[in-house]
Amino acid sequence: MTTVRITQTRSVIGQTQKHRGTLRSLGLGRIGASAEHAVGPELEGKLRHVSHLVTVKPSEAKGKDD
């Protein structure tokens, strides 16, 4: 399964409660915080909502090969 590394790059000050909640559901909350998630339709929707606050990069697999 493909995973991506999501890093928060901008503050949530001035953003809507929906955007703040979406970042929290991604495991983010501070500038510079990172989390890894499996790619799927739910993740893509969340990233569409907060794309202006985060950067997304492919994650290097450190475990077994898929």
C-alpha atoms as a PDB file:
ATOM      1  CA  MET A   1       0.000   0.000   0.000  1.00  0.00           C
ATOM      2  CA  THR A   2       1.294   3.461  -0.885  1.00  0.00           C
ATOM      3  CA  THR A   3       1.848   5.956   1.905  1.00  0.00           C
ATOM      4  CA  VAL A   4       2.492   9.684   1.913  1.00  0.00           C
ATOM      5  CA  ARG A   5       4.136  12.003   4.422  1.00  0.00           C
ATOM      6  CA  ILE A   6       2.038  15.065   5.225  1.00  0.00           C
ATOM      7  CA  THR A   7       3.686  18.098   6.855  1.00  0.00           C
ATOM      8  CA  GLN A   8       1.854  21.156   8.139  1.00  0.00           C
ATOM      9  CA  THR A   9       3.501  24.261   6.690  1.00  0.00           C
ATOM     10  CA  ARG A  10       1.068  27.051   7.619  1.00  0.00           C
ATOM     11  CA  SER A  11      -0.775  28.136  10.750  1.00  0.00           C
ATOM     12  CA  VAL A  12      -4.460  27.474  11.430  1.00  0.00           C
ATOM     13  CA  ILE A  13      -4.956  31.009  12.779  1.00  0.00           C
ATOM     14  CA  GLY A  14      -7.727  32.587  10.728  1.00  0.00           C
ATOM     15  CA  GLN A  15      -8.860  29.254   9.260  1.00  0.00           C
ATOM     16  CA  THR A  16     -12.335  27.783   9.680  1.00  0.00           C
ATOM     17  CA  GLN A  17     -13.187  25.207  12.323  1.00  0.00           C
ATOM     18  CA  LYS A  18     -13.582  22.639   9.513  1.00  0.00           C
ATOM     19  CA  HIS A  19      -9.987  23.158   8.415  1.00  0.00           C
ATOM     20  CA  ARG A  20      -8.732  22.906  11.993  1.00  0.00           C
ATOM     21  CA  GLY A  21     -10.677  19.693  12.509  1.00  0.00           C
ATOM     22  CA  THR A  22      -9.367  18.222   9.271  1.00  0.00           C
ATOM     23  CA  LEU A  23      -5.780  18.907  10.330  1.00  0.00           C
ATOM     24  CA  ARG A  24      -6.425  17.283  13.719  1.00  0.00           C
ATOM     25  CA  SER A  25      -7.893  14.207  12.013  1.00  0.00           C
ATOM     26  CA  LEU A  26      -4.684  13.982   9.966  1.00  0.00           C
ATOM     27  CA  GLY A  27      -2.658  13.999  13.187  1.00  0.00           C
ATOM     28  CA  LEU A  28      -1.351  17.534  12.714  1.00  0.00           C
ATOM     29  CA  GLY A  29      -1.683  20.617  14.866  1.00  0.00           C
ATOM     30  CA  ARG A  30       1.535  22.589  14.745  1.00  0.00           C
ATOM     31  CA  ILE A  31       3.661  24.010  11.984  1.00  0.00           C
ATOM     32  CA  GLY A  32       6.324  21.451  11.120  1.00  0.00           C
ATOM     33  CA  ALA A  33       4.334  18.477  12.434  1.00  0.00           C
ATOM     34  CA  SER A  34       4.354  15.429  10.136  1.00  0.00           C
ATOM     35  CA  ALA A  35       2.290  12.265   9.813  1.00  0.00           C
ATOM     36  CA  GLU A  36       2.237   9.291   7.458  1.00  0.00           C
ATOM     37  CA  HIS A  37      -1.013   7.984   6.007  1.00  0.00           C
ATOM     38  CA  ALA A  38      -2.064   5.361   3.491  1.00  0.00           C
ATOM     39  CA  VAL A  39      -3.397   6.801   0.238  1.00  0.00           C
ATOM     40  CA  GLY A  40      -7.130   6.421  -0.274  1.00  0.00           C
ATOM     41  CA  PRO A  41     -10.242   8.372  -1.223  1.00  0.00           C
ATOM     42  CA  GLU A  42     -10.825   9.613   2.332  1.00  0.00           C
ATOM     43  CA  LEU A  43      -7.289  10.993   2.594  1.00  0.00           C
ATOM     44  CA  GLU A  44      -7.509  12.634  -0.816  1.00  0.00           C
ATOM     45  CA  GLY A  45     -10.671  14.472   0.233  1.00  0.00           C
ATOM     46  CA  LYS A  46      -9.089  15.694   3.454  1.00  0.00           C
ATOM     47  CA  LEU A  47      -6.009  16.900   1.598  1.00  0.00           C
ATOM     48  CA  ARG A  48      -8.177  18.757  -0.912  1.00  0.00           C
ATOM     49  CA  HIS A  49      -9.672  20.788   1.965  1.00  0.00           C
ATOM     50  CA  VAL A  50      -6.347  21.750   3.571  1.00  0.00           C
ATOM     51  CA  SER A  51      -3.978  21.704   0.594  1.00  0.00           C
ATOM     52  CA  HIS A  52      -3.051  25.348   1.241  1.00  0.00           C
ATOM     53  CA  LEU A  53      -1.830  24.459   4.760  1.00  0.00           C
ATOM     54  CA  VAL A  54       0.206  21.286   4.120  1.00  0.00           C
ATOM     55  CA  THR A  55       2.801  19.728   1.837  1.00  0.00           C
ATOM     56  CA  VAL A  56       2.562  16.123   0.683  1.00  0.00           C
ATOM     57  CA  LYS A  57       5.504  13.925  -0.279  1.00  0.00           C
ATOM     58  CA  PRO A  58       5.771  10.213  -1.026  1.00  0.00           C
ATOM     59  CA  SER A  59       6.974   8.274   1.989  1.00  0.00           C
ATOM     60  CA  GLU A  60      10.069   6.094   1.842  1.00  0.00           C
ATOM     61  CA  ALA A  61       9.126   2.558   2.862  1.00  0.00           C
ATOM     62  CA  LYS A  62      11.229   1.311   5.769  1.00  0.00           C
ATOM     63  CA  GLY A  63       9.413  -1.964   6.251  1.00  0.00           C
ATOM     64  CA  LYS A  64       8.575  -4.852   3.952  1.00  0.00           C
ATOM     65  CA  ASP A  65       8.202  -4.287   0.216  1.00  0.00           C
ATOM     66  CA  ASP A  66       4.643  -4.429  -1.147  1.00  0.00           C
END
